[in-house]
Amino acid sequence: TLTEETGCIDQDVPPFVVAENGEPIGTVEDGDSVVF
């Protein structure tokens, strides 16, 4: 959707969030672990 709407290449894709029923499925919360 974002590449078709904007015509951008990959490095410039606008940010997005995956959600279910209007709620993001992957916020970072207490007790989580994160690897970059």
PDB file of all heavy atoms in Angstrom:
ATOM      1  N   THR A   1       0.821  -1.213   0.000  1.00  0.00           N
ATOM      2  CA  THR A   1       0.000   0.000   0.000  1.00  0.00           C
ATOM      3  C   THR A   1       0.852   1.259   0.000  1.00  0.00           C
ATOM      4  O   THR A   1       0.622   2.195  -0.786  1.00  0.00           O
ATOM      5  CB  THR A   1      -0.926   0.012   1.230  1.00  0.00           C
ATOM      6  OG1 THR A   1      -1.750  -1.161   1.215  1.00  0.00           O
ATOM      7  CG2 THR A   1      -1.810   1.251   1.232  1.00  0.00           C
ATOM      8  N   LEU A   2       1.852   1.307   0.873  1.00  0.00           N
ATOM      9  CA  LEU A   2       2.644   2.526   1.028  1.00  0.00           C
ATOM     10  C   LEU A   2       3.516   2.811  -0.193  1.00  0.00           C
ATOM     11  O   LEU A   2       3.682   3.975  -0.580  1.00  0.00           O
ATOM     12  CB  LEU A   2       3.500   2.425   2.289  1.00  0.00           C
ATOM     13  CG  LEU A   2       2.702   2.429   3.610  1.00  0.00           C
ATOM     14  CD1 LEU A   2       3.600   2.063   4.780  1.00  0.00           C
ATOM     15  CD2 LEU A   2       2.032   3.781   3.828  1.00  0.00           C
ATOM     16  N   THR A   3       4.086   1.785  -0.791  1.00  0.00           N
ATOM     17  CA  THR A   3       4.907   2.023  -1.986  1.00  0.00           C
ATOM     18  C   THR A   3       4.051   2.425  -3.177  1.00  0.00           C
ATOM     19  O   THR A   3       4.457   3.262  -3.991  1.00  0.00           O
ATOM     20  CB  THR A   3       5.754   0.793  -2.330  1.00  0.00           C
ATOM     21  OG1 THR A   3       4.906  -0.367  -2.439  1.00  0.00           O
ATOM     22  CG2 THR A   3       6.816   0.545  -1.273  1.00  0.00           C
ATOM     23  N   GLU A   4       2.853   1.851  -3.279  1.00  0.00           N
ATOM     24  CA  GLU A   4       1.965   2.231  -4.386  1.00  0.00           C
ATOM     25  C   GLU A   4       1.449   3.657  -4.207  1.00  0.00           C
ATOM     26  O   GLU A   4       1.359   4.425  -5.170  1.00  0.00           O
ATOM     27  CB  GLU A   4       0.793   1.258  -4.485  1.00  0.00           C
ATOM     28  CG  GLU A   4       1.183  -0.104  -5.038  1.00  0.00           C
ATOM     29  CD  GLU A   4      -0.001  -1.065  -5.116  1.00  0.00           C
ATOM     30  OE1 GLU A   4      -1.090  -0.703  -4.633  1.00  0.00           O
ATOM     31  OE2 GLU A   4       0.183  -2.175  -5.668  1.00  0.00           O
ATOM     32  N   GLU A   5       1.131   4.022  -2.979  1.00  0.00           N
ATOM     33  CA  GLU A   5       0.604   5.368  -2.727  1.00  0.00           C
ATOM     34  C   GLU A   5       1.656   6.453  -2.930  1.00  0.00           C
ATOM     35  O   GLU A   5       1.356   7.533  -3.445  1.00  0.00           O
ATOM     36  CB  GLU A   5       0.071   5.458  -1.293  1.00  0.00           C
ATOM     37  CG  GLU A   5      -1.255   4.757  -1.078  1.00  0.00           C
ATOM     38  CD  GLU A   5      -1.759   4.917   0.348  1.00  0.00           C
ATOM     39  OE1 GLU A   5      -1.039   5.525   1.185  1.00  0.00           O
ATOM     40  OE2 GLU A   5      -2.861   4.427   0.622  1.00  0.00           O
ATOM     41  N   THR A   6       2.863   6.182  -2.498  1.00  0.00           N
ATOM     42  CA  THR A   6       3.898   7.226  -2.498  1.00  0.00           C
ATOM     43  C   THR A   6       4.866   7.131  -3.668  1.00  0.00           C
ATOM     44  O   THR A   6       5.543   8.108  -3.984  1.00  0.00           O
ATOM     45  CB  THR A   6       4.713   7.167  -1.200  1.00  0.00           C
ATOM     46  OG1 THR A   6       5.436   5.921  -1.153  1.00  0.00           O
ATOM     47  CG2 THR A   6       3.809   7.259   0.024  1.00  0.00           C
ATOM     48  N   GLY A   7       4.971   5.960  -4.274  1.00  0.00           N
ATOM     49  CA  GLY A   7       5.968   5.749  -5.324  1.00  0.00           C
ATOM     50  C   GLY A   7       7.383   5.694  -4.791  1.00  0.00           C
ATOM     51  O   GLY A   7       8.344   5.779  -5.560  1.00  0.00           O
ATOM     52  N   CYS A   8       7.531   5.532  -3.487  1.00  0.00           N
ATOM     53  CA  CYS A   8       8.864   5.558  -2.875  1.00  0.00           C
ATOM     54  C   CYS A   8       9.601   4.242  -3.094  1.00  0.00           C
ATOM     55  O   CYS A   8       8.999   3.201  -3.389  1.00  0.00           O
ATOM     56  CB  CYS A   8       8.758   5.831  -1.377  1.00  0.00           C
ATOM     57  SG  CYS A   8       7.986   4.487  -0.438  1.00  0.00           S
ATOM     58  N   ILE A   9      10.922   4.297  -2.964  1.00  0.00           N
ATOM     59  CA  ILE A   9      11.721   3.080  -2.939  1.00  0.00           C
ATOM     60  C   ILE A   9      11.857   2.622  -1.492  1.00  0.00           C
ATOM     61  O   ILE A   9      11.451   3.323  -0.560  1.00  0.00           O
ATOM     62  CB  ILE A   9      13.098   3.281  -3.604  1.00  0.00           C
ATOM     63  CG1 ILE A   9      13.912   4.375  -2.896  1.00  0.00           C
ATOM     64  CG2 ILE A   9      12.931   3.598  -5.077  1.00  0.00           C
ATOM     65  CD1 ILE A   9      15.324   4.539  -3.452  1.00  0.00           C
ATOM     66  N   ASP A  10      12.423   1.451  -1.301  1.00  0.00           N
ATOM     67  CA  ASP A  10      12.382   0.784   0.008  1.00  0.00           C
ATOM     68  C   ASP A  10      12.899   1.643   1.155  1.00  0.00           C
ATOM     69  O   ASP A  10      12.305   1.674   2.237  1.00  0.00           O
ATOM     70  CB  ASP A  10      13.191  -0.515  -0.041  1.00  0.00           C
ATOM     71  CG  ASP A  10      12.579  -1.551  -0.957  1.00  0.00           C
ATOM     72  OD1 ASP A  10      11.437  -1.351  -1.414  1.00  0.00           O
ATOM     73  OD2 ASP A  10      13.242  -2.567  -1.229  1.00  0.00           O
ATOM     74  N   GLN A  11      14.023   2.316   0.952  1.00  0.00           N
ATOM     75  CA  GLN A  11      14.637   3.052   2.054  1.00  0.00           C
ATOM     76  C   GLN A  11      13.756   4.192   2.564  1.00  0.00           C
ATOM     77  O   GLN A  11      13.949   4.689   3.669  1.00  0.00           O
ATOM     78  CB  GLN A  11      16.000   3.590   1.640  1.00  0.00           C
ATOM     79  CG  GLN A  11      15.959   4.569   0.479  1.00  0.00           C
ATOM     80  CD  GLN A  11      17.342   5.007   0.041  1.00  0.00           C
ATOM     81  OE1 GLN A  11      18.312   4.807   0.749  1.00  0.00           O
ATOM     82  NE2 GLN A  11      17.429   5.617  -1.138  1.00  0.00           N
ATOM     83  N   ASP A  12      12.761   4.595   1.769  1.00  0.00           N
ATOM     84  CA  ASP A  12      11.912   5.729   2.121  1.00  0.00           C
ATOM     85  C   ASP A  12      10.477   5.342   2.486  1.00  0.00           C
ATOM     86  O   ASP A  12       9.600   6.216   2.572  1.00  0.00           O
ATOM     87  CB  ASP A  12      11.886   6.728   0.959  1.00  0.00           C
ATOM     88  CG  ASP A  12      13.265   7.276   0.638  1.00  0.00           C
ATOM     89  OD1 ASP A  12      14.023   7.550   1.588  1.00  0.00           O
ATOM     90  OD2 ASP A  12      13.597   7.415  -0.550  1.00  0.00           O
ATOM     91  N   VAL A  13      10.218   4.061   2.713  1.00  0.00           N
ATOM     92  CA  VAL A  13       8.865   3.629   3.064  1.00  0.00           C
ATOM     93  C   VAL A  13       8.437   4.275   4.385  1.00  0.00           C
ATOM     94  O   VAL A  13       9.165   4.208   5.381  1.00  0.00           O
ATOM     95  CB  VAL A  13       8.801   2.088   3.186  1.00  0.00           C
ATOM     96  CG1 VAL A  13       7.439   1.642   3.736  1.00  0.00           C
ATOM     97  CG2 VAL A  13       9.055   1.429   1.832  1.00  0.00           C
ATOM     98  N   PRO A  14       7.262   4.908   4.414  1.00  0.00           N
ATOM     99  CA  PRO A  14       6.788   5.511   5.670  1.00  0.00           C
ATOM    100  C   PRO A  14       6.575   4.458   6.753  1.00  0.00           C
ATOM    101  O   PRO A  14       6.369   3.274   6.455  1.00  0.00           O
ATOM    102  CB  PRO A  14       5.456   6.157   5.267  1.00  0.00           C
ATOM    103  CG  PRO A  14       5.542   6.339   3.783  1.00  0.00           C
ATOM    104  CD  PRO A  14       6.354   5.184   3.288  1.00  0.00           C
ATOM    105  N   PRO A  15       6.600   4.860   8.012  1.00  0.00           N
ATOM    106  CA  PRO A  15       6.428   3.890   9.105  1.00  0.00           C
ATOM    107  C   PRO A  15       5.015   3.310   9.131  1.00  0.00           C
ATOM    108  O   PRO A  15       4.057   3.955   8.714  1.00  0.00           O
ATOM    109  CB  PRO A  15       6.716   4.704  10.361  1.00  0.00           C
ATOM    110  CG  PRO A  15       6.488   6.123   9.952  1.00  0.00           C
ATOM    111  CD  PRO A  15       6.853   6.217   8.511  1.00  0.00           C
ATOM    112  N   PHE A  16       4.920   2.098   9.661  1.00  0.00           N
ATOM    113  CA  PHE A  16       3.620   1.434   9.778  1.00  0.00           C
ATOM    114  C   PHE A  16       3.601   0.562  11.022  1.00  0.00           C
ATOM    115  O   PHE A  16       4.647   0.204  11.575  1.00  0.00           O
ATOM    116  CB  PHE A  16       3.328   0.578   8.537  1.00  0.00           C
ATOM    117  CG  PHE A  16       4.227  -0.613   8.375  1.00  0.00           C
ATOM    118  CD1 PHE A  16       3.938  -1.829   8.997  1.00  0.00           C
ATOM    119  CD2 PHE A  16       5.388  -0.525   7.619  1.00  0.00           C
ATOM    120  CE1 PHE A  16       4.775  -2.925   8.865  1.00  0.00           C
ATOM    121  CE2 PHE A  16       6.228  -1.616   7.476  1.00  0.00           C
ATOM    122  CZ  PHE A  16       5.930  -2.823   8.095  1.00  0.00           C
ATOM    123  N   VAL A  17       2.394   0.223  11.442  1.00  0.00           N
ATOM    124  CA  VAL A  17       2.172  -0.635  12.605  1.00  0.00           C
ATOM    125  C   VAL A  17       1.163  -1.716  12.206  1.00  0.00           C
ATOM    126  O   VAL A  17       0.163  -1.415  11.538  1.00  0.00           O
ATOM    127  CB  VAL A  17       1.633   0.176  13.800  1.00  0.00           C
ATOM    128  CG1 VAL A  17       1.215  -0.730  14.943  1.00  0.00           C
ATOM    129  CG2 VAL A  17       2.683   1.185  14.272  1.00  0.00           C
ATOM    130  N   VAL A  18       1.427  -2.956  12.567  1.00  0.00           N
ATOM    131  CA  VAL A  18       0.473  -4.042  12.342  1.00  0.00           C
ATOM    132  C   VAL A  18      -0.472  -4.103  13.540  1.00  0.00           C
ATOM    133  O   VAL A  18      -0.023  -4.068  14.698  1.00  0.00           O
ATOM    134  CB  VAL A  18       1.195  -5.384  12.127  1.00  0.00           C
ATOM    135  CG1 VAL A  18       0.183  -6.528  11.994  1.00  0.00           C
ATOM    136  CG2 VAL A  18       2.082  -5.313  10.878  1.00  0.00           C
ATOM    137  N   ALA A  19      -1.772  -4.168  13.261  1.00  0.00           N
ATOM    138  CA  ALA A  19      -2.759  -4.098  14.338  1.00  0.00           C
ATOM    139  C   ALA A  19      -3.889  -5.107  14.111  1.00  0.00           C
ATOM    140  O   ALA A  19      -4.127  -5.561  12.988  1.00  0.00           O
ATOM    141  CB  ALA A  19      -3.334  -2.692  14.430  1.00  0.00           C
ATOM    142  N   GLU A  20      -4.565  -5.434  15.201  1.00  0.00           N
ATOM    143  CA  GLU A  20      -5.787  -6.235  15.168  1.00  0.00           C
ATOM    144  C   GLU A  20      -6.850  -5.508  15.970  1.00  0.00           C
ATOM    145  O   GLU A  20      -6.586  -5.086  17.110  1.00  0.00           O
ATOM    146  CB  GLU A  20      -5.553  -7.624  15.782  1.00  0.00           C
ATOM    147  CG  GLU A  20      -4.775  -8.576  14.897  1.00  0.00           C
ATOM    148  CD  GLU A  20      -4.617  -9.951  15.544  1.00  0.00           C
ATOM    149  OE1 GLU A  20      -4.897 -10.078  16.763  1.00  0.00           O
ATOM    150  OE2 GLU A  20      -4.207 -10.882  14.840  1.00  0.00           O
ATOM    151  N   ASN A  21      -8.004  -5.329  15.371  1.00  0.00           N
ATOM    152  CA  ASN A  21      -9.108  -4.642  16.055  1.00  0.00           C
ATOM    153  C   ASN A  21      -8.685  -3.277  16.593  1.00  0.00           C
ATOM    154  O   ASN A  21      -9.082  -2.860  17.686  1.00  0.00           O
ATOM    155  CB  ASN A  21      -9.655  -5.505  17.201  1.00  0.00           C
ATOM    156  CG  ASN A  21     -10.145  -6.858  16.723  1.00  0.00           C
ATOM    157  OD1 ASN A  21     -10.821  -6.953  15.694  1.00  0.00           O
ATOM    158  ND2 ASN A  21      -9.798  -7.900  17.463  1.00  0.00           N
ATOM    159  N   GLY A  22      -7.844  -2.608  15.815  1.00  0.00           N
ATOM    160  CA  GLY A  22      -7.408  -1.270  16.175  1.00  0.00           C
ATOM    161  C   GLY A  22      -6.302  -1.195  17.195  1.00  0.00           C
ATOM    162  O   GLY A  22      -5.874  -0.102  17.572  1.00  0.00           O
ATOM    163  N   GLU A  23      -5.801  -2.350  17.656  1.00  0.00           N
ATOM    164  CA  GLU A  23      -4.738  -2.367  18.652  1.00  0.00           C
ATOM    165  C   GLU A  23      -3.440  -2.915  18.061  1.00  0.00           C
ATOM    166  O   GLU A  23      -3.455  -3.970  17.417  1.00  0.00           O
ATOM    167  CB  GLU A  23      -5.143  -3.233  19.851  1.00  0.00           C
ATOM    168  CG  GLU A  23      -6.311  -2.679  20.649  1.00  0.00           C
ATOM    169  CD  GLU A  23      -5.990  -1.341  21.293  1.00  0.00           C
ATOM    170  OE1 GLU A  23      -4.837  -1.161  21.756  1.00  0.00           O
ATOM    171  OE2 GLU A  23      -6.879  -0.469  21.326  1.00  0.00           O
ATOM    172  N   PRO A  24      -2.313  -2.219  18.248  1.00  0.00           N
ATOM    173  CA  PRO A  24      -1.033  -2.736  17.734  1.00  0.00           C
ATOM    174  C   PRO A  24      -0.691  -4.071  18.370  1.00  0.00           C
ATOM    175  O   PRO A  24      -0.925  -4.278  19.572  1.00  0.00           O
ATOM    176  CB  PRO A  24      -0.023  -1.651  18.128  1.00  0.00           C
ATOM    177  CG  PRO A  24      -0.680  -0.867  19.214  1.00  0.00           C
ATOM    178  CD  PRO A  24      -2.155  -0.936  18.967  1.00  0.00           C
ATOM    179  N   ILE A  25      -0.129  -4.979  17.580  1.00  0.00           N
ATOM    180  CA  ILE A  25       0.125  -6.339  18.078  1.00  0.00           C
ATOM    181  C   ILE A  25       1.501  -6.500  18.700  1.00  0.00           C
ATOM    182  O   ILE A  25       1.817  -7.566  19.233  1.00  0.00           O
ATOM    183  CB  ILE A  25      -0.028  -7.382  16.955  1.00  0.00           C
ATOM    184  CG1 ILE A  25       1.087  -7.221  15.901  1.00  0.00           C
ATOM    185  CG2 ILE A  25      -1.400  -7.319  16.316  1.00  0.00           C
ATOM    186  CD1 ILE A  25       1.210  -8.391  14.944  1.00  0.00           C
ATOM    187  N   GLY A  26       2.334  -5.444  18.655  1.00  0.00           N
ATOM    188  CA  GLY A  26       3.708  -5.673  19.096  1.00  0.00           C
ATOM    189  C   GLY A  26       4.374  -4.531  19.808  1.00  0.00           C
ATOM    190  O   GLY A  26       5.563  -4.258  19.592  1.00  0.00           O
ATOM    191  N   THR A  27       3.652  -3.825  20.695  1.00  0.00           N
ATOM    192  CA  THR A  27       4.322  -2.801  21.490  1.00  0.00           C
ATOM    193  C   THR A  27       5.308  -3.473  22.452  1.00  0.00           C
ATOM    194  O   THR A  27       5.171  -4.645  22.790  1.00  0.00           O
ATOM    195  CB  THR A  27       3.298  -1.979  22.292  1.00  0.00           C
ATOM    196  OG1 THR A  27       2.528  -2.869  23.104  1.00  0.00           O
ATOM    197  CG2 THR A  27       2.387  -1.203  21.359  1.00  0.00           C
ATOM    198  N   VAL A  28       6.301  -2.719  22.884  1.00  0.00           N
ATOM    199  CA  VAL A  28       7.307  -3.241  23.809  1.00  0.00           C
ATOM    200  C   VAL A  28       6.868  -2.920  25.232  1.00  0.00           C
ATOM    201  O   VAL A  28       6.622  -1.754  25.571  1.00  0.00           O
ATOM    202  CB  VAL A  28       8.693  -2.642  23.515  1.00  0.00           C
ATOM    203  CG1 VAL A  28       9.725  -3.202  24.487  1.00  0.00           C
ATOM    204  CG2 VAL A  28       9.110  -2.938  22.069  1.00  0.00           C
ATOM    205  N   GLU A  29       6.759  -3.953  26.063  1.00  0.00           N
ATOM    206  CA  GLU A  29       6.217  -3.800  27.408  1.00  0.00           C
ATOM    207  C   GLU A  29       7.201  -4.323  28.454  1.00  0.00           C
ATOM    208  O   GLU A  29       8.166  -5.016  28.125  1.00  0.00           O
ATOM    209  CB  GLU A  29       4.891  -4.565  27.524  1.00  0.00           C
ATOM    210  CG  GLU A  29       3.860  -4.213  26.466  1.00  0.00           C
ATOM    211  CD  GLU A  29       3.326  -2.793  26.587  1.00  0.00           C
ATOM    212  OE1 GLU A  29       3.492  -2.186  27.668  1.00  0.00           O
ATOM    213  OE2 GLU A  29       2.745  -2.283  25.602  1.00  0.00           O
ATOM    214  N   ASP A  30       6.914  -3.994  29.725  1.00  0.00           N
ATOM    215  CA  ASP A  30       7.711  -4.528  30.833  1.00  0.00           C
ATOM    216  C   ASP A  30       7.794  -6.056  30.722  1.00  0.00           C
ATOM    217  O   ASP A  30       6.803  -6.727  30.426  1.00  0.00           O
ATOM    218  CB  ASP A  30       7.071  -4.179  32.174  1.00  0.00           C
ATOM    219  CG  ASP A  30       7.148  -2.697  32.501  1.00  0.00           C
ATOM    220  OD1 ASP A  30       7.850  -1.967  31.772  1.00  0.00           O
ATOM    221  OD2 ASP A  30       6.500  -2.270  33.478  1.00  0.00           O
ATOM    222  N   GLY A  31       8.984  -6.598  30.976  1.00  0.00           N
ATOM    223  CA  GLY A  31       9.180  -8.036  30.942  1.00  0.00           C
ATOM    224  C   GLY A  31       9.563  -8.584  29.586  1.00  0.00           C
ATOM    225  O   GLY A  31       9.833  -9.787  29.455  1.00  0.00           O
ATOM    226  N   ASP A  32       9.611  -7.724  28.570  1.00  0.00           N
ATOM    227  CA  ASP A  32       9.995  -8.173  27.227  1.00  0.00           C
ATOM    228  C   ASP A  32      11.520  -8.166  27.068  1.00  0.00           C
ATOM    229  O   ASP A  32      12.254  -7.615  27.898  1.00  0.00           O
ATOM    230  CB  ASP A  32       9.394  -7.256  26.165  1.00  0.00           C
ATOM    231  CG  ASP A  32       7.883  -7.411  26.035  1.00  0.00           C
ATOM    232  OD1 ASP A  32       7.320  -8.331  26.663  1.00  0.00           O
ATOM    233  OD2 ASP A  32       7.271  -6.610  25.295  1.00  0.00           O
ATOM    234  N   SER A  33      11.983  -8.762  25.985  1.00  0.00           N
ATOM    235  CA  SER A  33      13.384  -8.673  25.563  1.00  0.00           C
ATOM    236  C   SER A  33      13.427  -8.150  24.134  1.00  0.00           C
ATOM    237  O   SER A  33      12.525  -8.430  23.337  1.00  0.00           O
ATOM    238  CB  SER A  33      14.069 -10.038  25.633  1.00  0.00           C
ATOM    239  OG  SER A  33      14.265 -10.447  26.965  1.00  0.00           O
ATOM    240  N   VAL A  34      14.487  -7.390  23.831  1.00  0.00           N
ATOM    241  CA  VAL A  34      14.652  -6.811  22.495  1.00  0.00           C
ATOM    242  C   VAL A  34      16.074  -7.069  22.015  1.00  0.00           C
ATOM    243  O   VAL A  34      17.041  -6.824  22.752  1.00  0.00           O
ATOM    244  CB  VAL A  34      14.392  -5.292  22.500  1.00  0.00           C
ATOM    245  CG1 VAL A  34      14.632  -4.711  21.104  1.00  0.00           C
ATOM    246  CG2 VAL A  34      12.980  -4.978  22.971  1.00  0.00           C
ATOM    247  N   VAL A  35      16.204  -7.556  20.785  1.00  0.00           N
ATOM    248  CA  VAL A  35      17.502  -7.672  20.123  1.00  0.00           C
ATOM    249  C   VAL A  35      17.490  -6.808  18.873  1.00  0.00           C
ATOM    250  O   VAL A  35      16.574  -6.909  18.049  1.00  0.00           O
ATOM    251  CB  VAL A  35      17.823  -9.129  19.736  1.00  0.00           C
ATOM    252  CG1 VAL A  35      18.988  -9.194  18.747  1.00  0.00           C
ATOM    253  CG2 VAL A  35      18.156  -9.947  20.973  1.00  0.00           C
ATOM    254  N   PHE A  36      18.473  -5.931  18.759  1.00  0.00           N
ATOM    255  CA  PHE A  36      18.702  -5.224  17.505  1.00  0.00           C
ATOM    256  C   PHE A  36      19.691  -6.076  16.721  1.00  0.00           C
ATOM    257  O   PHE A  36      20.861  -6.177  17.091  1.00  0.00           O
ATOM    258  CB  PHE A  36      19.264  -3.827  17.765  1.00  0.00           C
ATOM    259  CG  PHE A  36      19.215  -2.930  16.560  1.00  0.00           C
ATOM    260  CD1 PHE A  36      17.997  -2.522  16.037  1.00  0.00           C
ATOM    261  CD2 PHE A  36      20.378  -2.495  15.952  1.00  0.00           C
ATOM    262  CE1 PHE A  36      17.945  -1.692  14.917  1.00  0.00           C
ATOM    263  CE2 PHE A  36      20.331  -1.671  14.839  1.00  0.00           C
ATOM    264  CZ  PHE A  36      19.108  -1.265  14.308  1.00  0.00           C
TER     265      PHE A  36
END
